[in-house]
């Protein structure tokens, strides 16, 4: 298969995957009847504005407030759309969180709150506990992101420093009924770790959080260390909470698989985590083993989850681009194997790029341009590498987030 055809094929599958998680398709089936009292819509995450748009397409104008990432805003009729920074929080997130808390004050048992939560909400909802500053939270968030810690570990630590995460927003909504509509971007789809679970019960402990901090060598200031050690989960025993996962990584992988009718599709899993370059080498080895069996039909390996990157260089490279670059190096120009890895929210790491494609000629084309892949990988500069080759995948905001999408195409012997 030629370069452009393979790249187009895999990019189309990625598009099918994230479009399957479009809130405009996924929200309406889970919306409850209107309550006897007031209906308030709140939310946080990269998909929250699109989710709010879908709610109002069903009900009409609603009261409430959601916060999304800068550039992910959508037009709404009544729900207030606020924007803040991601993945490191900012003051706009603090003010947006205060506004969300204000919107759920003084509710009654006859009222209902619909909480629209998706990946990215951990950074966007920002309300530090007393004694911890926004600068403290920003510094800790950056340390955690650079450490290589998994998202559930990062969110465990974040909960201990927050007045909103880990069920505390649900506590503020009582005695109203809370209906959670969640778009999952975490391994296992555990609601407690989607956006750090602001509207669901928390079961983490201070000891667990401190263990994560110690394991990843995170340096804590005295106020932050004190806050982590004193954490106690809120009691939500009397709260009325109903939770629905409305879109997930596996559903998107299955949508892509259904599209690839010409292939023998093998889904490796939707909750695969680990260092991006290590996972890439493992998947490249699997692809070469399959190719050695000389399959007559093309074989497509699909996987989801969230890779991590332990930063050791000064380059620009998110986990999906780093996975793709490491896979290209492991395959070393192997004919007939193509790789694509992208984040379904359209943002890989901190770059406004979804991910990258690599094929059999990637290393040759890099050599012709005097670009050195080993150096790029060592500097965590995979985005710089693929930008120079024109092989970045750029979607702009997808308005959803069901985590990473990875695809490896092994051409069939009949091709």
Protein backbone atom coordinates (compact mmCIF):
# COMPACT_ATOMS: atom_id res chain seq x y z
CA UNK A 1 0.00 0.00 0.00
CA UNK A 2 1.36 3.41 -0.95
CA UNK A 3 2.21 6.02 1.69
CA UNK A 4 -0.74 8.36 1.01
CA UNK A 5 -3.27 5.50 0.82
CA UNK A 6 -2.13 3.96 4.11
CA UNK A 7 -1.99 7.31 5.90
CA UNK A 8 -5.46 8.21 4.62
CA UNK A 9 -6.89 4.82 5.63
CA UNK A 10 -5.60 5.05 9.20
CA UNK A 11 -6.55 8.71 9.55
CA UNK A 12 -10.10 7.91 8.44
CA UNK A 13 -10.32 5.17 11.08
CA UNK A 14 -9.19 7.65 13.72
CA UNK A 15 -11.89 10.07 12.57
CA UNK A 16 -14.53 7.34 12.84
CA UNK A 17 -13.30 6.57 16.37
CA UNK A 18 -13.61 10.07 17.77
CA UNK A 19 -16.81 10.86 15.90
CA UNK A 20 -18.40 7.79 17.54
CA UNK A 21 -17.90 9.63 20.86
CA UNK A 22 -19.46 12.90 19.67
CA UNK A 23 -21.62 14.19 22.55
CA UNK A 24 -24.29 15.24 20.07
CA UNK A 25 -24.84 11.53 19.42
CA UNK A 26 -24.23 10.23 22.92
CA UNK A 27 -25.94 12.61 25.37
CA UNK A 28 -29.67 12.58 24.52
CA UNK A 29 -30.36 8.86 25.22
CA UNK A 30 -29.28 9.31 28.85
CA UNK A 31 -31.14 12.51 29.71
CA UNK A 32 -33.81 12.10 32.43
CA UNK A 33 -37.32 13.60 32.39
CA UNK A 34 -37.47 17.17 33.62
CA UNK A 35 -37.63 17.38 37.43
CA UNK A 36 -40.49 18.75 39.47
CA UNK A 37 -38.23 21.59 40.56
CA UNK A 38 -35.29 23.31 38.89
CA UNK A 39 -32.88 21.76 36.39
CA UNK A 40 -29.26 22.95 36.65
CA UNK A 41 -26.56 21.86 34.20
CA UNK A 42 -22.93 21.91 35.28
CA UNK A 43 -19.83 20.36 33.80
CA UNK A 44 -16.12 20.33 33.14
CA UNK A 45 -13.85 18.84 30.51
CA UNK A 46 -12.82 19.10 26.90
CA UNK A 47 -16.19 17.74 25.81
CA UNK A 48 -18.34 19.67 28.30
CA UNK A 49 -19.36 22.55 26.02
CA UNK A 50 -20.38 20.15 23.25
CA UNK A 51 -22.27 18.09 25.86
CA UNK A 52 -24.06 21.24 27.03
CA UNK A 53 -24.97 22.00 23.43
CA UNK A 54 -26.45 18.50 23.16
CA UNK A 55 -28.44 18.93 26.38
CA UNK A 56 -30.05 22.10 25.07
CA UNK A 57 -30.76 20.47 21.72
CA UNK A 58 -32.94 18.08 23.74
CA UNK A 59 -34.47 20.31 26.45
CA UNK A 60 -34.16 23.80 25.05
CA UNK A 61 -32.49 26.62 27.04
CA UNK A 62 -31.20 25.52 30.45
CA UNK A 63 -29.66 27.19 33.48
CA UNK A 64 -26.16 26.32 34.57
CA UNK A 65 -22.49 26.62 33.81
CA UNK A 66 -19.69 24.46 32.37
CA UNK A 67 -15.96 25.00 31.92
CA UNK A 68 -14.00 23.72 28.95
CA UNK A 69 -10.52 24.12 27.46
CA UNK A 70 -9.68 27.31 25.60
CA UNK A 71 -10.81 26.86 21.99
CA UNK A 72 -13.40 24.18 22.81
CA UNK A 73 -16.33 26.55 23.35
CA UNK A 74 -19.71 25.88 21.71
CA UNK A 75 -22.83 28.01 21.20
CA UNK A 76 -25.49 27.48 23.87
CA UNK A 77 -28.84 29.09 24.60
CA UNK A 78 -28.82 29.36 28.39
CA UNK A 79 -25.91 27.38 29.81
CA UNK A 80 -22.90 29.59 30.49
CA UNK A 81 -19.71 28.39 28.78
CA UNK A 82 -16.47 29.33 30.53
CA UNK A 83 -12.93 28.55 29.39
CA UNK A 84 -9.70 27.79 31.22
CA UNK A 85 -6.26 26.25 30.74
CA UNK A 86 -5.36 22.61 30.29
CA UNK A 87 -3.34 20.54 31.25
CA UNK A 88 -1.94 22.98 33.84
CA UNK A 89 -4.66 24.98 35.66
CA UNK A 90 -4.90 28.77 35.65
CA UNK A 91 -6.80 31.55 37.41
CA UNK A 92 -9.62 31.34 34.87
CA UNK A 93 -10.23 27.78 36.07
CA UNK A 94 -10.40 28.97 39.66
CA UNK A 95 -13.02 31.60 38.77
CA UNK A 96 -15.00 29.12 36.62
CA UNK A 97 -15.08 26.63 39.50
CA UNK A 98 -16.40 29.30 41.83
CA UNK A 99 -19.12 30.10 39.28
CA UNK A 100 -20.11 26.41 39.06
CA UNK A 101 -20.37 26.20 42.86
CA UNK A 102 -22.57 29.30 42.86
CA UNK A 103 -24.94 27.70 40.35
CA UNK A 104 -25.73 24.76 42.67
CA UNK A 105 -26.36 26.68 45.87
CA UNK A 106 -29.67 26.43 47.76
CA UNK A 107 -31.14 23.52 45.78
CA UNK A 108 -34.06 21.41 47.02
CA UNK A 109 -34.91 17.69 46.85
CA UNK A 110 -37.21 18.49 43.92
CA UNK A 111 -34.33 19.88 41.88
CA UNK A 112 -31.96 17.99 39.59
CA UNK A 113 -28.37 18.64 38.55
CA UNK A 114 -27.02 17.17 35.32
CA UNK A 115 -23.23 16.95 35.55
CA UNK A 116 -21.41 16.78 32.20
CA UNK A 117 -17.94 15.44 32.94
CA UNK A 118 -15.17 14.47 30.54
CA UNK A 119 -11.41 14.20 30.39
CA UNK A 120 -9.59 17.44 31.07
CA UNK A 121 -11.89 18.35 33.93
CA UNK A 122 -9.16 17.76 36.53
CA UNK A 123 -7.22 20.80 35.32
CA UNK A 124 -10.25 22.90 34.45
CA UNK A 125 -11.92 22.51 37.86
CA UNK A 126 -9.53 24.24 40.22
CA UNK A 127 -10.31 25.03 43.86
CA UNK A 128 -7.23 24.54 46.06
CA UNK A 129 -7.71 23.65 49.72
CA UNK A 130 -6.81 26.37 52.25
CA UNK A 131 -3.08 26.83 52.56
CA UNK A 132 -2.37 25.62 49.00
CA UNK A 133 -1.99 28.29 46.31
CA UNK A 134 -2.75 28.12 42.61
CA UNK A 135 1.00 28.31 41.98
CA UNK A 136 1.45 25.27 44.21
CA UNK A 137 -1.12 23.32 42.22
CA UNK A 138 0.36 24.41 38.89
CA UNK A 139 3.84 23.33 39.92
CA UNK A 140 2.64 19.97 41.27
CA UNK A 141 0.56 19.29 38.16
CA UNK A 142 3.56 19.92 35.92
CA UNK A 143 5.75 17.64 38.04
CA UNK A 144 3.19 14.85 37.85
CA UNK A 145 2.78 15.24 34.08
CA UNK A 146 6.55 15.15 33.54
CA UNK A 147 7.11 12.20 35.88
CA UNK A 148 5.48 9.51 33.75
CA UNK A 149 2.76 8.80 36.34
CA UNK A 150 -0.48 7.29 35.02
CA UNK A 151 -3.59 9.47 34.88
CA UNK A 152 -5.32 7.66 37.77
CA UNK A 153 -2.24 8.26 39.92
CA UNK A 154 -2.15 11.93 38.95
CA UNK A 155 -5.83 12.32 39.73
CA UNK A 156 -5.45 10.57 43.08
CA UNK A 157 -2.95 13.20 44.18
CA UNK A 158 -5.01 16.04 42.72
CA UNK A 159 -8.04 15.04 44.80
CA UNK A 160 -6.20 15.58 48.06
CA UNK A 161 -5.56 19.24 47.26
CA UNK A 162 -9.02 20.15 46.00
CA UNK A 163 -12.29 21.52 47.32
CA UNK A 164 -14.13 20.28 44.21
CA UNK A 165 -12.65 16.92 43.18
CA UNK A 166 -13.37 13.51 44.70
CA UNK A 167 -17.11 14.00 45.21
CA UNK A 168 -16.97 17.44 46.79
CA UNK A 169 -18.96 19.05 43.95
CA UNK A 170 -21.68 16.40 44.41
CA UNK A 171 -21.71 17.24 48.10
CA UNK A 172 -22.40 20.88 47.20
CA UNK A 173 -25.38 19.85 45.04
CA UNK A 174 -27.24 18.07 47.87
CA UNK A 175 -30.12 17.56 48.47
CA UNK A 176 -30.80 17.75 44.73
CA UNK A 177 -30.60 14.63 42.58
CA UNK A 178 -27.35 14.43 40.58
CA UNK A 179 -27.30 12.72 37.17
CA UNK A 180 -23.75 12.20 35.91
CA UNK A 181 -23.12 11.86 32.18
CA UNK A 182 -19.48 10.91 31.76
CA UNK A 183 -17.24 10.57 28.73
CA UNK A 184 -14.42 8.31 29.83
CA UNK A 185 -10.75 8.92 29.11
CA UNK A 186 -9.36 6.62 31.81
CA UNK A 187 -8.35 2.98 31.86
CA UNK A 188 -11.23 0.86 33.08
CA UNK A 189 -13.77 3.71 32.80
CA UNK A 190 -13.81 4.19 36.59
CA UNK A 191 -15.98 7.29 37.28
CA UNK A 192 -13.83 8.11 40.31
CA UNK A 193 -10.89 8.98 38.05
CA UNK A 194 -12.66 10.68 35.14
CA UNK A 195 -11.78 14.35 35.74
CA UNK A 196 -10.89 13.27 39.30
CA UNK A 197 -14.51 12.36 40.06
CA UNK A 198 -15.98 15.70 41.21
CA UNK A 199 -19.54 14.35 41.35
CA UNK A 200 -19.05 10.71 42.42
CA UNK A 201 -17.92 9.13 45.72
CA UNK A 202 -14.18 8.96 46.39
CA UNK A 203 -12.43 5.95 47.91
CA UNK A 204 -8.83 7.11 47.87
CA UNK A 205 -6.78 7.76 51.00
CA UNK A 206 -4.03 10.12 52.03
CA UNK A 207 -1.67 7.14 52.31
CA UNK A 208 -2.32 6.15 48.68
CA UNK A 209 -1.61 9.68 47.50
CA UNK A 210 1.63 9.91 49.50
CA UNK A 211 2.74 6.55 48.11
CA UNK A 212 2.33 7.89 44.55
CA UNK A 213 4.24 11.05 45.40
CA UNK A 214 7.08 8.99 46.86
CA UNK A 215 7.15 6.45 44.02
CA UNK A 216 7.53 9.12 41.35
CA UNK A 217 9.97 11.28 43.29
CA UNK A 218 7.68 14.33 43.47
CA UNK A 219 9.00 17.14 45.68
CA UNK A 220 6.24 18.67 47.81
CA UNK A 221 6.29 22.02 49.54
CA UNK A 222 5.35 21.97 53.22
CA UNK A 223 1.77 23.28 52.65
CA UNK A 224 1.14 20.73 49.90
CA UNK A 225 2.58 17.84 51.93
CA UNK A 226 0.40 18.83 54.87
CA UNK A 227 -2.72 18.98 52.69
CA UNK A 228 -2.04 15.57 51.15
CA UNK A 229 -1.43 13.95 54.54
CA UNK A 230 -4.65 15.41 56.01
CA UNK A 231 -6.97 14.39 53.17
CA UNK A 232 -10.30 12.78 54.06
CA UNK A 233 -12.89 11.72 51.48
CA UNK A 234 -16.28 13.46 51.81
CA UNK A 235 -19.29 11.56 53.11
CA UNK A 236 -21.89 11.32 50.33
CA UNK A 237 -24.10 8.83 52.12
CA UNK A 238 -27.29 10.88 51.76
CA UNK A 239 -26.60 12.17 48.28
CA UNK A 240 -28.72 10.94 45.35
CA UNK A 241 -26.27 10.20 42.56
CA UNK A 242 -26.88 8.39 39.28
CA UNK A 243 -23.96 7.82 36.92
CA UNK A 244 -23.79 6.87 33.23
CA UNK A 245 -20.72 6.32 31.04
CA UNK A 246 -22.04 7.63 27.72
CA UNK A 247 -18.89 7.21 25.62
CA UNK A 248 -15.77 5.14 26.17
CA UNK A 249 -12.50 4.11 24.51
CA UNK A 250 -13.74 0.60 23.71
CA UNK A 251 -16.85 1.88 21.94
CA UNK A 252 -14.68 4.05 19.72
CA UNK A 253 -12.27 1.21 18.97
CA UNK A 254 -15.22 -0.98 17.97
CA UNK A 255 -16.54 1.74 15.68
CA UNK A 256 -13.17 1.89 13.93
CA UNK A 257 -13.05 -1.91 13.74
CA UNK A 258 -16.47 -2.00 12.08
CA UNK A 259 -15.23 0.46 9.48
CA UNK A 260 -12.16 -1.62 8.57
CA UNK A 261 -14.09 -4.33 6.71
CA UNK A 262 -11.13 -5.29 4.52
CA UNK A 263 -8.97 -6.19 7.53
CA UNK A 264 -8.58 -8.88 10.14
CA UNK A 265 -9.07 -6.57 13.12
CA UNK A 266 -7.54 -7.40 16.48
CA UNK A 267 -8.31 -5.11 19.41
CA UNK A 268 -5.43 -5.38 21.85
CA UNK A 269 -7.28 -3.56 24.62
CA UNK A 270 -8.79 -0.20 25.54
CA UNK A 271 -6.95 0.33 28.84
CA UNK A 272 -3.31 -0.13 27.85
CA UNK A 273 -0.94 2.11 29.77
CA UNK A 274 2.80 2.49 30.05
CA UNK A 275 5.78 4.45 28.80
CA UNK A 276 5.05 5.38 25.18
CA UNK A 277 8.34 4.21 23.71
CA UNK A 278 8.24 0.89 25.57
CA UNK A 279 4.69 0.17 24.44
CA UNK A 280 5.61 1.09 20.88
CA UNK A 281 8.46 -1.40 20.81
CA UNK A 282 6.19 -4.12 22.14
CA UNK A 283 3.50 -3.42 19.55
CA UNK A 284 6.08 -3.21 16.76
CA UNK A 285 7.37 -6.66 17.77
CA UNK A 286 3.81 -8.02 17.68
CA UNK A 287 3.30 -6.55 14.21
CA UNK A 288 6.50 -8.12 12.90
CA UNK A 289 5.54 -11.49 14.36
CA UNK A 290 2.17 -11.31 12.61
CA UNK A 291 3.82 -10.31 9.34
CA UNK A 292 6.16 -13.31 9.61
CA UNK A 293 3.05 -15.52 9.50
CA UNK A 294 2.36 -14.14 5.99
CA UNK A 295 -1.34 -13.28 6.47
CA UNK A 296 -3.33 -13.19 3.24
CA UNK A 297 -5.60 -10.35 4.45
CA UNK A 298 -4.37 -7.10 6.02
CA UNK A 299 -4.23 -7.25 9.81
CA UNK A 300 -5.19 -4.21 11.85
CA UNK A 301 -4.08 -3.90 15.48
CA UNK A 302 -6.14 -1.39 17.47
CA UNK A 303 -5.56 -0.25 21.03
CA UNK A 304 -6.59 2.47 23.44
CA UNK A 305 -5.65 3.69 26.87
CA UNK A 306 -3.14 6.36 27.78
CA UNK A 307 0.59 6.27 27.24
CA UNK A 308 2.86 8.37 29.39
CA UNK A 309 6.15 10.12 28.73
CA UNK A 310 8.88 10.62 31.28
CA UNK A 311 10.36 13.88 30.09
CA UNK A 312 14.13 13.95 29.88
CA UNK A 313 14.57 16.42 27.02
CA UNK A 314 13.47 19.88 25.93
CA UNK A 315 11.57 18.96 22.77
CA UNK A 316 7.92 19.09 21.78
CA UNK A 317 6.40 15.66 21.85
CA UNK A 318 3.29 14.13 23.35
CA UNK A 319 2.83 10.42 24.12
CA UNK A 320 1.15 9.56 20.81
CA UNK A 321 3.81 11.16 18.66
CA UNK A 322 6.50 9.57 20.83
CA UNK A 323 4.82 6.17 20.46
CA UNK A 324 4.76 6.59 16.68
CA UNK A 325 8.42 7.65 16.50
CA UNK A 326 9.56 4.79 18.74
CA UNK A 327 7.54 2.34 16.64
CA UNK A 328 9.15 3.65 13.44
CA UNK A 329 12.59 3.14 14.93
CA UNK A 330 11.71 -0.37 16.14
CA UNK A 331 10.32 -1.32 12.72
CA UNK A 332 13.40 0.19 11.02
CA UNK A 333 11.77 0.63 7.61
CA UNK A 334 10.03 -2.76 7.59
CA UNK A 335 8.00 -2.94 4.38
CA UNK A 336 4.23 -3.26 4.71
CA UNK A 337 3.71 -1.97 8.27
CA UNK A 338 2.12 1.40 9.01
CA UNK A 339 1.50 3.10 12.38
CA UNK A 340 -0.79 5.88 13.57
CA UNK A 341 -1.30 7.10 17.14
CA UNK A 342 -3.50 10.05 18.10
CA UNK A 343 -5.36 11.47 21.07
CA UNK A 344 -9.10 11.57 20.47
CA UNK A 345 -9.36 15.09 21.91
CA UNK A 346 -7.10 16.43 19.14
CA UNK A 347 -4.34 17.42 21.57
CA UNK A 348 -1.29 15.20 22.10
CA UNK A 349 0.45 16.33 25.27
CA UNK A 350 0.53 20.11 25.23
CA UNK A 351 0.71 20.40 21.42
CA UNK A 352 -2.28 21.42 19.30
CA UNK A 353 -1.73 18.25 17.27
CA UNK A 354 -3.62 14.95 17.60
CA UNK A 355 -0.68 12.66 16.85
CA UNK A 356 1.35 11.26 13.96
CA UNK A 357 1.67 8.66 11.18
CA UNK A 358 4.74 6.58 10.30
CA UNK A 359 5.27 4.18 7.42
CA UNK A 360 8.04 2.08 5.87
CA UNK A 361 9.70 5.13 4.30
CA UNK A 362 9.62 7.40 7.37
CA UNK A 363 13.24 6.88 8.37
CA UNK A 364 14.45 7.15 4.77
CA UNK A 365 12.61 10.43 4.26
CA UNK A 366 14.04 11.73 7.53
CA UNK A 367 17.56 10.82 6.43
CA UNK A 368 17.05 12.70 3.16
CA UNK A 369 16.13 15.80 5.18
CA UNK A 370 19.03 15.38 7.64
CA UNK A 371 16.61 14.73 10.49
CA UNK A 372 17.79 12.29 13.13
CA UNK A 373 15.03 10.19 14.74
CA UNK A 374 17.15 8.84 17.59
CA UNK A 375 18.05 12.36 18.65
CA UNK A 376 14.42 13.46 18.40
CA UNK A 377 13.33 10.59 20.64
CA UNK A 378 16.08 11.30 23.16
CA UNK A 379 14.94 14.95 23.36
CA UNK A 380 11.21 14.06 23.54
CA UNK A 381 10.85 15.97 20.26
CA UNK A 382 8.59 13.63 18.30
CA UNK A 383 6.28 16.47 17.26
CA UNK A 384 9.23 18.36 15.82
CA UNK A 385 10.29 15.23 13.94
CA UNK A 386 6.90 14.56 12.34
CA UNK A 387 6.25 18.24 11.64
CA UNK A 388 9.37 18.31 9.48
CA UNK A 389 8.08 15.29 7.52
CA UNK A 390 4.52 16.58 7.19
CA UNK A 391 3.20 13.52 9.03
CA UNK A 392 1.47 15.12 11.99
CA UNK A 393 -2.27 14.44 12.28
CA UNK A 394 -4.06 17.72 12.95
CA UNK A 395 -7.80 17.75 13.60
CA UNK A 396 -8.38 20.86 15.69
CA UNK A 397 -10.72 20.48 18.67
CA UNK A 398 -12.70 17.24 18.31
CA UNK A 399 -15.05 18.26 21.17
CA UNK A 400 -14.77 14.85 22.82
CA UNK A 401 -12.14 12.81 24.65
CA UNK A 402 -11.97 9.01 24.92
CA UNK A 403 -8.21 8.87 25.22
CA UNK A 404 -5.57 7.53 22.86
CA UNK A 405 -6.27 5.73 19.59
CA UNK A 406 -3.49 3.57 18.18
CA UNK A 407 -3.58 1.60 14.94
CA UNK A 408 -0.98 -0.60 13.25
CA UNK A 409 -1.72 -1.86 9.75
CA UNK A 410 0.12 -4.97 8.53
CA UNK A 411 -0.41 -5.41 4.81
CA UNK A 412 -1.60 -8.79 3.55
CA UNK A 413 0.51 -10.95 1.27
CA UNK A 414 -2.09 -10.61 -1.48
CA UNK A 415 -1.49 -6.85 -1.73
